[in-house]
Every structure is written in structure tokens, then in C-alpha cells.
Amino acid sequence: MRKTEKQEEYLIFKRKYEGISDLKLPIEYLDKSDVFVFTEKDEIVGGFILGKKGPYRTIEVFVSKSNLEHITEYFTEEVFCEVCCFWIERKFRKNPISNAKFWLKMAYAVKAQENKFILFGTNSEGLAKMYGYPKNSLLFHQDFLANRGTFIFLARRRDFARGVWEIVISKFLRRERNRNIIKKDELEKALIYELSK
């Protein structure tokens, strides 16, 4: 894994991510963010973005206009970093060892950040169940856009790597994840309190 600032690699990242996700990724977002790529024999086979400046892509893509006003008040640049556009090519995603390496390297990059909270989201119900699996991962907002459910999660930065480890172990052990994302009232109260300080 390495960080890149090369325009030609941004374009490869953009093309491959859009092909996997069916979501548009403006090149301007890559320009203002930290872009990380996974490579195999000099070919980009995965990556993710750490967004440290608003407006946050997670909010723009996964929150409906009617909900934007009450959501955006929580997200300030001093407090948040977003993990966005995390993707792995299929053959590496299907290999448990490669998959685990990608997840853990991403977690290590997040752990090195200074922001107190991590923001991440998806419009995939399967990924939402995975993201909501760790005990310290909170489903903060659920919405419906372009005929799909959207899910936004929060975690403390200090808990994020542990949560990724829980996901990796669950994948190795093929643990069943809940059909519904569990409501975590105590975690929600604690995080909202910490955000309001």
C-alpha cells in the first residue's frame, strides 16, 4: 500500500472504483484528499481515500437533501476524517489472506490520523452489515437514495482498527452477521455526547 498524488493513478483509481461501485467519483475529490492504492506487480488492484476536508463525500453521496441540514451540523474538519471509496479487485477480495492484508493496511493508515472520529458509509446492504458488525461501529444515519438504502457509520479513531480486526476475524471464521444492523443505543449516546463537547 502506498499514498499517491499522481494524476494518472487518480484516473486509474477513478475508473476502477466507478466500475465496481456504480458511483461517480469526481477527480476534484481525489485532488483534495489522501489517496492510497494497493498494487500487485505495479498494477493498481485496490485502494481507498481519506477525506479530511469538507464537504465530506460520504455525506454528499449517502444523505438525502431533506436530511442534510440536521446531519451536517455534526461534521467538522477538526474532528472528522472519512474513509471513502474503499475497493479491492474481485480476485483479491476472494482471497482471504489478500483481503485481510488490504483491510488491515487500511486500518493502519486510519490509525495514523489525528482526527478523533472516523466517518464511513455505503449503499450496499451487505457492506452495511459488515461495517455495523464491530461492537464500536455505530450506524449513525440511514437513508434512501436512487432506489437504494444508504448507511452512514461513525467510530472513534482509537476503536477503528480493532473494529477492522473484528471484521477480518469474522470473515476468516465465516461468522454469521445479523440480518439487521443492531441498534447500539449506549454507543450512540456516548458518541453524540462526545461530539457535542
N, C-alpha and C. Protein backbone atom coordinates (compact mmCIF):
# COMPACT_ATOMS: atom_id res chain seq x y z
N MET A 1 0.85 -1.18 0.00
CA MET A 1 0.00 0.00 0.00
C MET A 1 0.89 1.23 0.00
N ARG A 2 0.46 2.22 -0.76
CA ARG A 2 1.20 3.48 -0.76
C ARG A 2 0.25 4.63 -1.09
N LYS A 3 0.66 5.81 -0.64
CA LYS A 3 -0.10 7.01 -0.97
C LYS A 3 0.35 7.48 -2.35
N THR A 4 -0.60 8.00 -3.11
CA THR A 4 -0.24 8.50 -4.44
C THR A 4 -0.79 9.92 -4.63
N GLU A 5 -0.06 10.69 -5.42
CA GLU A 5 -0.54 12.03 -5.84
C GLU A 5 -0.43 12.16 -7.35
N LYS A 6 -0.24 11.04 -8.03
CA LYS A 6 -0.08 11.06 -9.49
C LYS A 6 -1.43 11.11 -10.18
N GLN A 7 -1.59 12.08 -11.07
CA GLN A 7 -2.85 12.23 -11.79
C GLN A 7 -3.21 10.99 -12.59
N GLU A 8 -2.21 10.34 -13.21
CA GLU A 8 -2.53 9.14 -14.00
C GLU A 8 -3.05 8.01 -13.11
N GLU A 9 -2.55 7.94 -11.86
CA GLU A 9 -3.05 6.91 -10.94
C GLU A 9 -4.42 7.30 -10.39
N TYR A 10 -4.67 8.59 -10.22
CA TYR A 10 -6.01 9.04 -9.85
C TYR A 10 -7.03 8.58 -10.89
N LEU A 11 -6.66 8.71 -12.15
CA LEU A 11 -7.60 8.33 -13.22
C LEU A 11 -7.86 6.83 -13.23
N ILE A 12 -6.81 6.03 -12.96
CA ILE A 12 -6.99 4.57 -12.88
C ILE A 12 -7.88 4.23 -11.68
N PHE A 13 -7.59 4.85 -10.54
CA PHE A 13 -8.39 4.63 -9.33
C PHE A 13 -9.85 4.96 -9.62
N LYS A 14 -10.08 6.14 -10.18
CA LYS A 14 -11.43 6.61 -10.50
C LYS A 14 -12.17 5.62 -11.41
N ARG A 15 -11.51 5.20 -12.50
CA ARG A 15 -12.13 4.29 -13.46
C ARG A 15 -12.50 2.96 -12.80
N LYS A 16 -11.57 2.40 -12.04
CA LYS A 16 -11.81 1.09 -11.44
C LYS A 16 -12.86 1.17 -10.33
N TYR A 17 -12.78 2.21 -9.52
CA TYR A 17 -13.77 2.37 -8.44
C TYR A 17 -15.17 2.55 -9.02
N GLU A 18 -15.31 3.40 -10.02
CA GLU A 18 -16.62 3.64 -10.63
C GLU A 18 -17.16 2.36 -11.26
N GLY A 19 -16.28 1.53 -11.83
CA GLY A 19 -16.71 0.28 -12.43
C GLY A 19 -17.24 -0.71 -11.41
N ILE A 20 -16.65 -0.70 -10.22
CA ILE A 20 -17.08 -1.62 -9.16
C ILE A 20 -18.32 -1.10 -8.43
N SER A 21 -18.35 0.22 -8.17
CA SER A 21 -19.39 0.77 -7.29
C SER A 21 -20.61 1.34 -7.98
N ASP A 22 -20.49 1.68 -9.26
CA ASP A 22 -21.55 2.40 -9.98
C ASP A 22 -21.81 3.79 -9.40
N LEU A 23 -20.83 4.34 -8.69
CA LEU A 23 -20.94 5.70 -8.15
C LEU A 23 -19.90 6.58 -8.83
N LYS A 24 -20.27 7.79 -9.16
CA LYS A 24 -19.33 8.74 -9.78
C LYS A 24 -18.33 9.24 -8.74
N LEU A 25 -17.11 9.40 -9.16
CA LEU A 25 -16.04 9.88 -8.29
C LEU A 25 -15.35 11.07 -8.96
N PRO A 26 -15.69 12.29 -8.54
CA PRO A 26 -15.08 13.47 -9.18
C PRO A 26 -13.58 13.53 -8.92
N ILE A 27 -12.81 13.86 -9.93
CA ILE A 27 -11.36 13.95 -9.81
C ILE A 27 -10.98 15.03 -8.79
N GLU A 28 -11.83 16.05 -8.63
CA GLU A 28 -11.57 17.12 -7.65
C GLU A 28 -11.52 16.57 -6.23
N TYR A 29 -12.32 15.53 -5.97
CA TYR A 29 -12.32 14.93 -4.63
C TYR A 29 -10.98 14.24 -4.36
N LEU A 30 -10.45 13.57 -5.36
CA LEU A 30 -9.14 12.93 -5.20
C LEU A 30 -8.05 13.98 -4.99
N ASP A 31 -8.16 15.10 -5.71
CA ASP A 31 -7.16 16.17 -5.60
C ASP A 31 -7.06 16.74 -4.18
N LYS A 32 -8.18 16.79 -3.46
CA LYS A 32 -8.17 17.42 -2.14
C LYS A 32 -8.05 16.41 -0.99
N SER A 33 -7.89 15.13 -1.33
CA SER A 33 -7.87 14.07 -0.32
C SER A 33 -6.55 13.29 -0.36
N ASP A 34 -6.40 12.39 0.60
CA ASP A 34 -5.25 11.47 0.60
C ASP A 34 -5.69 10.17 -0.06
N VAL A 35 -5.06 9.84 -1.16
CA VAL A 35 -5.45 8.65 -1.95
C VAL A 35 -4.40 7.57 -1.75
N PHE A 36 -4.85 6.38 -1.35
CA PHE A 36 -3.97 5.24 -1.13
C PHE A 36 -4.31 4.14 -2.13
N VAL A 37 -3.28 3.49 -2.64
CA VAL A 37 -3.50 2.40 -3.60
C VAL A 37 -2.79 1.13 -3.13
N PHE A 38 -3.41 0.00 -3.45
CA PHE A 38 -2.79 -1.31 -3.29
C PHE A 38 -2.32 -1.73 -4.67
N THR A 39 -1.10 -2.22 -4.76
CA THR A 39 -0.59 -2.62 -6.08
C THR A 39 -0.11 -4.07 -6.06
N GLU A 40 -0.20 -4.68 -7.20
CA GLU A 40 0.32 -6.03 -7.43
C GLU A 40 1.03 -5.99 -8.77
N LYS A 41 2.36 -6.21 -8.74
CA LYS A 41 3.17 -6.14 -9.97
C LYS A 41 2.94 -4.82 -10.70
N ASP A 42 2.99 -3.74 -9.96
CA ASP A 42 2.84 -2.36 -10.48
C ASP A 42 1.44 -2.03 -11.01
N GLU A 43 0.48 -2.91 -10.81
CA GLU A 43 -0.89 -2.62 -11.24
C GLU A 43 -1.74 -2.28 -10.01
N ILE A 44 -2.56 -1.24 -10.12
CA ILE A 44 -3.45 -0.86 -9.01
C ILE A 44 -4.61 -1.86 -8.94
N VAL A 45 -4.72 -2.51 -7.76
CA VAL A 45 -5.74 -3.56 -7.60
C VAL A 45 -6.71 -3.25 -6.46
N GLY A 46 -6.58 -2.07 -5.88
CA GLY A 46 -7.48 -1.67 -4.81
C GLY A 46 -7.04 -0.32 -4.27
N GLY A 47 -7.83 0.20 -3.34
CA GLY A 47 -7.45 1.46 -2.74
C GLY A 47 -8.55 2.03 -1.87
N PHE A 48 -8.26 3.19 -1.32
CA PHE A 48 -9.23 3.91 -0.50
C PHE A 48 -8.78 5.36 -0.41
N ILE A 49 -9.68 6.19 0.09
CA ILE A 49 -9.40 7.62 0.21
C ILE A 49 -9.68 8.06 1.64
N LEU A 50 -8.78 8.88 2.17
CA LEU A 50 -9.02 9.54 3.44
C LEU A 50 -9.34 11.00 3.15
N GLY A 51 -10.56 11.39 3.45
CA GLY A 51 -11.00 12.76 3.23
C GLY A 51 -10.96 13.53 4.53
N LYS A 52 -10.23 14.62 4.53
CA LYS A 52 -10.06 15.40 5.76
C LYS A 52 -10.68 16.79 5.66
N LYS A 53 -11.20 17.11 4.49
CA LYS A 53 -11.78 18.44 4.29
C LYS A 53 -13.22 18.30 3.82
N GLY A 54 -14.09 19.12 4.40
CA GLY A 54 -15.47 19.13 3.95
C GLY A 54 -15.59 19.86 2.62
N PRO A 55 -16.70 19.70 1.92
CA PRO A 55 -17.79 18.81 2.30
C PRO A 55 -17.38 17.35 2.14
N TYR A 56 -17.85 16.51 3.06
CA TYR A 56 -17.48 15.09 3.03
C TYR A 56 -18.29 14.34 1.99
N ARG A 57 -17.60 13.55 1.21
CA ARG A 57 -18.24 12.76 0.15
C ARG A 57 -19.29 11.81 0.73
N THR A 58 -18.97 11.19 1.86
CA THR A 58 -19.92 10.26 2.49
C THR A 58 -21.27 10.92 2.72
N ILE A 59 -21.24 12.17 3.17
CA ILE A 59 -22.48 12.91 3.42
C ILE A 59 -23.15 13.27 2.10
N GLU A 60 -22.36 13.77 1.15
CA GLU A 60 -22.93 14.21 -0.13
C GLU A 60 -23.58 13.07 -0.90
N VAL A 61 -22.98 11.88 -0.83
CA VAL A 61 -23.45 10.75 -1.65
C VAL A 61 -24.55 9.94 -0.96
N PHE A 62 -24.52 9.87 0.38
CA PHE A 62 -25.41 8.94 1.08
C PHE A 62 -26.49 9.60 1.95
N VAL A 63 -26.59 10.94 1.90
CA VAL A 63 -27.64 11.62 2.68
C VAL A 63 -28.54 12.39 1.72
N SER A 64 -29.85 12.21 1.86
CA SER A 64 -30.81 12.92 1.02
C SER A 64 -30.83 14.40 1.39
N LYS A 65 -31.24 15.23 0.44
CA LYS A 65 -31.27 16.68 0.67
C LYS A 65 -32.15 17.04 1.86
N SER A 66 -33.23 16.32 2.05
CA SER A 66 -34.14 16.63 3.16
C SER A 66 -33.51 16.37 4.53
N ASN A 67 -32.48 15.53 4.57
CA ASN A 67 -31.82 15.22 5.85
C ASN A 67 -30.48 15.93 6.04
N LEU A 68 -30.02 16.62 5.01
CA LEU A 68 -28.68 17.22 5.06
C LEU A 68 -28.49 18.19 6.22
N GLU A 69 -29.48 19.05 6.44
CA GLU A 69 -29.30 20.13 7.41
C GLU A 69 -29.02 19.61 8.82
N HIS A 70 -29.79 18.62 9.26
CA HIS A 70 -29.58 18.15 10.63
C HIS A 70 -28.40 17.19 10.75
N ILE A 71 -27.89 16.68 9.63
CA ILE A 71 -26.72 15.79 9.66
C ILE A 71 -25.42 16.58 9.66
N THR A 72 -25.33 17.59 8.81
CA THR A 72 -24.04 18.28 8.61
C THR A 72 -23.56 19.04 9.84
N GLU A 73 -24.44 19.38 10.75
CA GLU A 73 -24.02 20.13 11.94
C GLU A 73 -23.01 19.36 12.79
N TYR A 74 -23.00 18.04 12.69
CA TYR A 74 -22.09 17.22 13.50
C TYR A 74 -20.67 17.15 12.94
N PHE A 75 -20.52 17.38 11.63
CA PHE A 75 -19.27 17.03 10.98
C PHE A 75 -18.37 18.23 10.72
N THR A 76 -17.39 18.39 11.59
CA THR A 76 -16.41 19.47 11.44
C THR A 76 -15.05 18.86 11.09
N GLU A 77 -14.26 19.62 10.35
CA GLU A 77 -12.98 19.11 9.85
C GLU A 77 -11.98 18.82 10.97
N GLU A 78 -12.07 19.55 12.08
CA GLU A 78 -11.12 19.32 13.16
C GLU A 78 -11.33 17.96 13.81
N VAL A 79 -12.55 17.46 13.75
CA VAL A 79 -12.92 16.26 14.49
C VAL A 79 -12.97 15.01 13.62
N PHE A 80 -13.32 15.17 12.32
CA PHE A 80 -13.60 14.01 11.47
C PHE A 80 -12.60 13.79 10.35
N CYS A 81 -12.43 12.52 10.05
CA CYS A 81 -11.75 12.06 8.83
C CYS A 81 -12.69 11.00 8.24
N GLU A 82 -12.85 11.00 6.94
CA GLU A 82 -13.70 9.96 6.35
C GLU A 82 -12.85 8.95 5.60
N VAL A 83 -13.26 7.69 5.70
CA VAL A 83 -12.70 6.63 4.87
C VAL A 83 -13.71 6.41 3.77
N CYS A 84 -13.27 6.57 2.54
CA CYS A 84 -14.21 6.59 1.42
C CYS A 84 -13.64 5.79 0.26
N CYS A 85 -14.54 5.29 -0.58
CA CYS A 85 -14.14 4.67 -1.86
C CYS A 85 -13.17 3.52 -1.65
N PHE A 86 -13.42 2.69 -0.64
CA PHE A 86 -12.59 1.51 -0.37
C PHE A 86 -13.01 0.41 -1.33
N TRP A 87 -12.06 -0.06 -2.13
CA TRP A 87 -12.37 -1.10 -3.11
C TRP A 87 -11.18 -2.05 -3.27
N ILE A 88 -11.49 -3.28 -3.63
CA ILE A 88 -10.48 -4.31 -3.87
C ILE A 88 -10.96 -5.10 -5.09
N GLU A 89 -10.06 -5.34 -6.03
CA GLU A 89 -10.45 -6.15 -7.20
C GLU A 89 -10.90 -7.54 -6.76
N ARG A 90 -11.83 -8.09 -7.51
CA ARG A 90 -12.52 -9.32 -7.12
C ARG A 90 -11.58 -10.46 -6.76
N LYS A 91 -10.55 -10.71 -7.56
CA LYS A 91 -9.71 -11.89 -7.28
C LYS A 91 -8.96 -11.75 -5.96
N PHE A 92 -8.67 -10.52 -5.55
CA PHE A 92 -8.01 -10.29 -4.26
C PHE A 92 -9.03 -10.27 -3.12
N ARG A 93 -10.24 -9.82 -3.44
CA ARG A 93 -11.32 -9.81 -2.45
C ARG A 93 -11.70 -11.24 -2.07
N LYS A 94 -11.60 -12.16 -3.03
CA LYS A 94 -11.99 -13.55 -2.78
C LYS A 94 -10.88 -14.35 -2.09
N ASN A 95 -9.66 -13.82 -2.07
CA ASN A 95 -8.54 -14.49 -1.41
C ASN A 95 -8.49 -14.01 0.04
N PRO A 96 -8.74 -14.89 1.03
CA PRO A 96 -8.84 -14.43 2.42
C PRO A 96 -7.58 -13.73 2.94
N ILE A 97 -6.41 -14.20 2.54
CA ILE A 97 -5.16 -13.59 3.02
C ILE A 97 -4.99 -12.19 2.42
N SER A 98 -5.14 -12.07 1.10
CA SER A 98 -5.02 -10.77 0.44
C SER A 98 -6.06 -9.79 0.98
N ASN A 99 -7.28 -10.27 1.11
CA ASN A 99 -8.37 -9.44 1.61
C ASN A 99 -8.03 -8.90 3.00
N ALA A 100 -7.57 -9.78 3.89
CA ALA A 100 -7.21 -9.37 5.25
C ALA A 100 -6.09 -8.33 5.23
N LYS A 101 -5.09 -8.54 4.39
CA LYS A 101 -3.97 -7.58 4.30
C LYS A 101 -4.47 -6.19 3.90
N PHE A 102 -5.35 -6.13 2.90
CA PHE A 102 -5.87 -4.85 2.45
C PHE A 102 -6.64 -4.15 3.58
N TRP A 103 -7.52 -4.89 4.25
CA TRP A 103 -8.30 -4.31 5.34
C TRP A 103 -7.39 -3.79 6.46
N LEU A 104 -6.40 -4.59 6.84
CA LEU A 104 -5.53 -4.20 7.96
C LEU A 104 -4.62 -3.03 7.60
N LYS A 105 -4.16 -2.98 6.37
CA LYS A 105 -3.34 -1.83 5.94
C LYS A 105 -4.16 -0.55 5.93
N MET A 106 -5.41 -0.67 5.50
CA MET A 106 -6.30 0.49 5.53
C MET A 106 -6.50 0.96 6.98
N ALA A 107 -6.72 0.00 7.89
CA ALA A 107 -6.92 0.33 9.30
C ALA A 107 -5.69 1.02 9.89
N TYR A 108 -4.51 0.56 9.50
CA TYR A 108 -3.26 1.16 9.99
C TYR A 108 -3.15 2.62 9.53
N ALA A 109 -3.53 2.90 8.27
CA ALA A 109 -3.49 4.28 7.75
C ALA A 109 -4.47 5.17 8.52
N VAL A 110 -5.63 4.63 8.85
CA VAL A 110 -6.62 5.39 9.61
C VAL A 110 -6.11 5.66 11.02
N LYS A 111 -5.51 4.66 11.63
CA LYS A 111 -4.99 4.80 13.00
C LYS A 111 -3.95 5.92 13.09
N ALA A 112 -3.22 6.16 12.01
CA ALA A 112 -2.17 7.17 11.99
C ALA A 112 -2.72 8.60 11.89
N GLN A 113 -4.02 8.75 11.68
CA GLN A 113 -4.62 10.09 11.55
C GLN A 113 -4.76 10.74 12.93
N GLU A 114 -5.00 12.03 12.93
CA GLU A 114 -5.13 12.76 14.20
C GLU A 114 -6.58 13.02 14.59
N ASN A 115 -7.48 12.93 13.63
CA ASN A 115 -8.89 13.24 13.91
C ASN A 115 -9.47 12.23 14.89
N LYS A 116 -10.39 12.72 15.72
CA LYS A 116 -10.93 11.89 16.79
C LYS A 116 -11.94 10.85 16.30
N PHE A 117 -12.69 11.19 15.24
CA PHE A 117 -13.75 10.31 14.76
C PHE A 117 -13.55 9.96 13.29
N ILE A 118 -14.04 8.77 12.93
CA ILE A 118 -13.97 8.30 11.54
C ILE A 118 -15.39 8.14 11.03
N LEU A 119 -15.59 8.64 9.83
CA LEU A 119 -16.88 8.61 9.14
C LEU A 119 -16.74 7.69 7.93
N PHE A 120 -17.71 6.81 7.72
CA PHE A 120 -17.68 5.92 6.54
C PHE A 120 -19.10 5.49 6.21
N GLY A 121 -19.32 5.09 4.96
CA GLY A 121 -20.67 4.75 4.56
C GLY A 121 -20.71 3.86 3.33
N THR A 122 -21.92 3.46 2.98
CA THR A 122 -22.11 2.58 1.83
C THR A 122 -23.57 2.63 1.37
N ASN A 123 -23.79 2.18 0.13
CA ASN A 123 -25.16 1.97 -0.33
C ASN A 123 -25.39 0.48 -0.61
N SER A 124 -24.53 -0.35 -0.05
CA SER A 124 -24.66 -1.80 -0.17
C SER A 124 -25.10 -2.37 1.18
N GLU A 125 -26.22 -3.09 1.18
CA GLU A 125 -26.72 -3.67 2.42
C GLU A 125 -25.73 -4.70 2.98
N GLY A 126 -25.09 -5.45 2.10
CA GLY A 126 -24.10 -6.43 2.55
C GLY A 126 -22.92 -5.77 3.25
N LEU A 127 -22.40 -4.69 2.65
CA LEU A 127 -21.30 -3.96 3.29
C LEU A 127 -21.77 -3.30 4.57
N ALA A 128 -23.00 -2.81 4.60
CA ALA A 128 -23.53 -2.18 5.81
C ALA A 128 -23.54 -3.17 6.97
N LYS A 129 -23.92 -4.41 6.71
CA LYS A 129 -23.91 -5.43 7.77
C LYS A 129 -22.48 -5.67 8.26
N MET A 130 -21.53 -5.64 7.32
CA MET A 130 -20.13 -5.82 7.69
C MET A 130 -19.63 -4.62 8.50
N TYR A 131 -19.93 -3.41 8.02
CA TYR A 131 -19.47 -2.20 8.71
C TYR A 131 -20.10 -2.06 10.10
N GLY A 132 -21.32 -2.55 10.24
CA GLY A 132 -22.01 -2.46 11.53
C GLY A 132 -21.68 -3.59 12.48
N TYR A 133 -20.92 -4.57 12.03
CA TYR A 133 -20.59 -5.75 12.84
C TYR A 133 -19.74 -5.43 14.07
N PRO A 134 -18.67 -4.63 13.96
CA PRO A 134 -17.85 -4.36 15.15
C PRO A 134 -18.65 -3.67 16.25
N LYS A 135 -18.35 -4.03 17.50
CA LYS A 135 -19.14 -3.50 18.61
C LYS A 135 -19.02 -1.99 18.76
N ASN A 136 -17.94 -1.40 18.28
CA ASN A 136 -17.76 0.05 18.42
C ASN A 136 -18.03 0.83 17.14
N SER A 137 -18.76 0.20 16.22
CA SER A 137 -19.16 0.86 14.97
C SER A 137 -20.64 1.22 15.07
N LEU A 138 -20.95 2.48 14.88
CA LEU A 138 -22.33 2.96 15.06
C LEU A 138 -22.97 3.32 13.72
N LEU A 139 -24.13 2.73 13.45
CA LEU A 139 -24.94 3.19 12.32
C LEU A 139 -25.56 4.51 12.74
N PHE A 140 -25.03 5.60 12.20
CA PHE A 140 -25.43 6.94 12.62
C PHE A 140 -26.64 7.45 11.85
N HIS A 141 -26.71 7.09 10.58
CA HIS A 141 -27.82 7.59 9.75
C HIS A 141 -28.12 6.57 8.64
N GLN A 142 -29.40 6.39 8.40
CA GLN A 142 -29.86 5.52 7.32
C GLN A 142 -30.78 6.35 6.43
N ASP A 143 -30.65 6.16 5.12
CA ASP A 143 -31.41 6.98 4.20
C ASP A 143 -31.81 6.13 3.00
N PHE A 144 -32.42 6.76 2.01
CA PHE A 144 -32.84 6.05 0.79
C PHE A 144 -32.65 7.00 -0.38
N LEU A 145 -31.74 6.63 -1.29
CA LEU A 145 -31.42 7.48 -2.45
C LEU A 145 -31.30 6.61 -3.70
N ALA A 146 -31.82 7.12 -4.82
CA ALA A 146 -31.72 6.42 -6.10
C ALA A 146 -32.15 4.95 -5.97
N ASN A 147 -33.28 4.75 -5.28
CA ASN A 147 -33.86 3.42 -5.10
C ASN A 147 -32.98 2.45 -4.32
N ARG A 148 -32.07 2.98 -3.50
CA ARG A 148 -31.22 2.11 -2.68
C ARG A 148 -31.11 2.67 -1.27
N GLY A 149 -30.99 1.76 -0.31
CA GLY A 149 -30.73 2.19 1.05
C GLY A 149 -29.29 2.69 1.17
N THR A 150 -29.09 3.69 1.99
CA THR A 150 -27.74 4.18 2.26
C THR A 150 -27.51 4.16 3.77
N PHE A 151 -26.24 3.99 4.15
CA PHE A 151 -25.90 3.78 5.55
C PHE A 151 -24.63 4.56 5.88
N ILE A 152 -24.69 5.35 6.95
CA ILE A 152 -23.53 6.12 7.38
C ILE A 152 -23.14 5.67 8.79
N PHE A 153 -21.86 5.40 8.96
CA PHE A 153 -21.34 4.89 10.22
C PHE A 153 -20.33 5.85 10.83
N LEU A 154 -20.21 5.77 12.15
CA LEU A 154 -19.20 6.52 12.90
C LEU A 154 -18.45 5.55 13.81
N ALA A 155 -17.19 5.86 14.03
CA ALA A 155 -16.40 5.14 15.02
C ALA A 155 -15.35 6.10 15.57
N ARG A 156 -14.98 5.88 16.80
CA ARG A 156 -13.83 6.61 17.32
C ARG A 156 -12.59 6.11 16.59
N ARG A 157 -11.68 7.01 16.31
CA ARG A 157 -10.45 6.58 15.62
C ARG A 157 -9.72 5.51 16.43
N ARG A 158 -9.69 5.68 17.73
CA ARG A 158 -8.96 4.72 18.57
C ARG A 158 -9.57 3.32 18.52
N ASP A 159 -10.86 3.22 18.14
CA ASP A 159 -11.55 1.92 18.07
C ASP A 159 -11.59 1.35 16.66
N PHE A 160 -11.23 2.16 15.67
CA PHE A 160 -11.44 1.76 14.28
C PHE A 160 -10.64 0.51 13.90
N ALA A 161 -9.34 0.48 14.25
CA ALA A 161 -8.50 -0.67 13.87
C ALA A 161 -9.00 -1.95 14.54
N ARG A 162 -9.44 -1.83 15.78
CA ARG A 162 -9.99 -3.00 16.47
C ARG A 162 -11.25 -3.50 15.76
N GLY A 163 -12.05 -2.55 15.28
CA GLY A 163 -13.26 -2.93 14.54
C GLY A 163 -12.93 -3.63 13.23
N VAL A 164 -11.90 -3.14 12.54
CA VAL A 164 -11.47 -3.81 11.30
C VAL A 164 -10.98 -5.22 11.62
N TRP A 165 -10.25 -5.36 12.73
CA TRP A 165 -9.78 -6.69 13.14
C TRP A 165 -10.97 -7.62 13.38
N GLU A 166 -12.04 -7.12 14.00
CA GLU A 166 -13.25 -7.93 14.22
C GLU A 166 -13.84 -8.37 12.89
N ILE A 167 -13.86 -7.47 11.91
CA ILE A 167 -14.38 -7.81 10.57
C ILE A 167 -13.52 -8.90 9.94
N VAL A 168 -12.20 -8.73 9.99
CA VAL A 168 -11.28 -9.69 9.37
C VAL A 168 -11.45 -11.08 10.00
N ILE A 169 -11.51 -11.13 11.33
CA ILE A 169 -11.69 -12.42 12.02
C ILE A 169 -13.03 -13.04 11.64
N SER A 170 -14.08 -12.23 11.57
CA SER A 170 -15.41 -12.76 11.21
C SER A 170 -15.40 -13.35 9.80
N LYS A 171 -14.61 -12.71 8.91
CA LYS A 171 -14.52 -13.23 7.54
C LYS A 171 -13.77 -14.57 7.53
N PHE A 172 -12.66 -14.64 8.28
CA PHE A 172 -11.89 -15.89 8.34
C PHE A 172 -12.71 -17.02 8.94
N LEU A 173 -13.46 -16.72 9.99
CA LEU A 173 -14.24 -17.75 10.68
C LEU A 173 -15.62 -17.93 10.06
N ARG A 174 -15.90 -17.14 9.03
CA ARG A 174 -17.20 -17.19 8.34
C ARG A 174 -18.37 -17.07 9.30
N ARG A 175 -18.23 -16.09 10.22
CA ARG A 175 -19.29 -15.87 11.20
C ARG A 175 -20.50 -15.24 10.53
N GLU A 176 -21.65 -15.68 11.00
CA GLU A 176 -22.92 -15.12 10.51
C GLU A 176 -23.06 -13.69 11.05
N ARG A 177 -23.41 -12.77 10.16
CA ARG A 177 -23.69 -11.40 10.60
C ARG A 177 -25.20 -11.23 10.66
N ASN A 178 -25.66 -10.40 11.58
CA ASN A 178 -27.10 -10.20 11.75
C ASN A 178 -27.75 -9.73 10.46
N ARG A 179 -28.98 -10.19 10.25
CA ARG A 179 -29.73 -9.72 9.09
C ARG A 179 -29.97 -8.22 9.19
N ASN A 180 -30.21 -7.75 10.40
CA ASN A 180 -30.41 -6.33 10.63
C ASN A 180 -29.23 -5.78 11.41
N ILE A 181 -28.89 -4.54 11.13
CA ILE A 181 -27.81 -3.91 11.87
C ILE A 181 -28.35 -3.58 13.26
N ILE A 182 -27.64 -4.04 14.27
CA ILE A 182 -28.10 -3.88 15.64
C ILE A 182 -28.04 -2.42 16.07
N LYS A 183 -29.11 -1.96 16.70
CA LYS A 183 -29.15 -0.60 17.25
C LYS A 183 -28.29 -0.59 18.51
N LYS A 184 -27.38 0.36 18.59
CA LYS A 184 -26.46 0.42 19.73
C LYS A 184 -26.71 1.73 20.49
N ASP A 185 -27.75 1.71 21.31
CA ASP A 185 -28.20 2.93 21.99
C ASP A 185 -27.13 3.55 22.89
N GLU A 186 -26.45 2.71 23.66
CA GLU A 186 -25.44 3.25 24.59
C GLU A 186 -24.28 3.88 23.83
N LEU A 187 -23.84 3.22 22.76
CA LEU A 187 -22.76 3.76 21.93
C LEU A 187 -23.20 5.08 21.28
N GLU A 188 -24.44 5.10 20.80
CA GLU A 188 -24.95 6.32 20.17
C GLU A 188 -24.97 7.48 21.16
N LYS A 189 -25.45 7.24 22.38
CA LYS A 189 -25.48 8.29 23.40
C LYS A 189 -24.07 8.80 23.68
N ALA A 190 -23.12 7.87 23.82
CA ALA A 190 -21.74 8.25 24.15
C ALA A 190 -21.12 9.07 23.02
N LEU A 191 -21.31 8.65 21.77
CA LEU A 191 -20.72 9.36 20.65
C LEU A 191 -21.35 10.74 20.46
N ILE A 192 -22.67 10.82 20.58
CA ILE A 192 -23.34 12.12 20.44
C ILE A 192 -22.86 13.07 21.53
N TYR A 193 -22.69 12.55 22.74
CA TYR A 193 -22.19 13.39 23.84
C TYR A 193 -20.78 13.88 23.52
N GLU A 194 -19.91 13.01 23.06
CA GLU A 194 -18.54 13.40 22.74
C GLU A 194 -18.51 14.40 21.60
N LEU A 195 -19.39 14.25 20.63
CA LEU A 195 -19.45 15.19 19.50
C LEU A 195 -19.95 16.56 19.93
N SER A 196 -20.78 16.62 20.95
CA SER A 196 -21.38 17.89 21.35
C SER A 196 -20.48 18.70 22.28
N LYS A 197 -19.38 18.13 22.72
CA LYS A 197 -18.46 18.84 23.64
C LYS A 197 -17.83 20.03 22.95
